Amino acid sequence: MAQRSLAAPGNSGFHCPRLADVNLTRFPRFSSLNSTLPLRPPADPARINVQSTIDVNYWCQTFNCTETRLRNAVLAVGPLAADVQAYLNR
């Protein structure tokens, strides 16, 4: 069995597709607002954990906001859900 070498582009050997050749539609980005997964309540309903995708998805749908807006609100007023809700509703 012949060994394959990592040759320069144009030569036979390892093939690395260009980014333009990769079909990115097979890997849709996960959208917190368009999720078809059932929402699971957060472990701590009084605090927003922006490190948890599940918590971010829950709070984005609960507050009807985008992930960016939720993260900015948590940066502005802290992780307490009541404070974030007041901030988003002002």
Foldseek 3Di string as FASTA:
>chain_A
DDDFDPDDPPDPHDDDDDPVPDDCVVPDDDFLVPDPDDQDQDPDNQFQDLVDPSSLSVLCVVLVHGSVLQVVLCVVQNGGSVSSSVVSVD
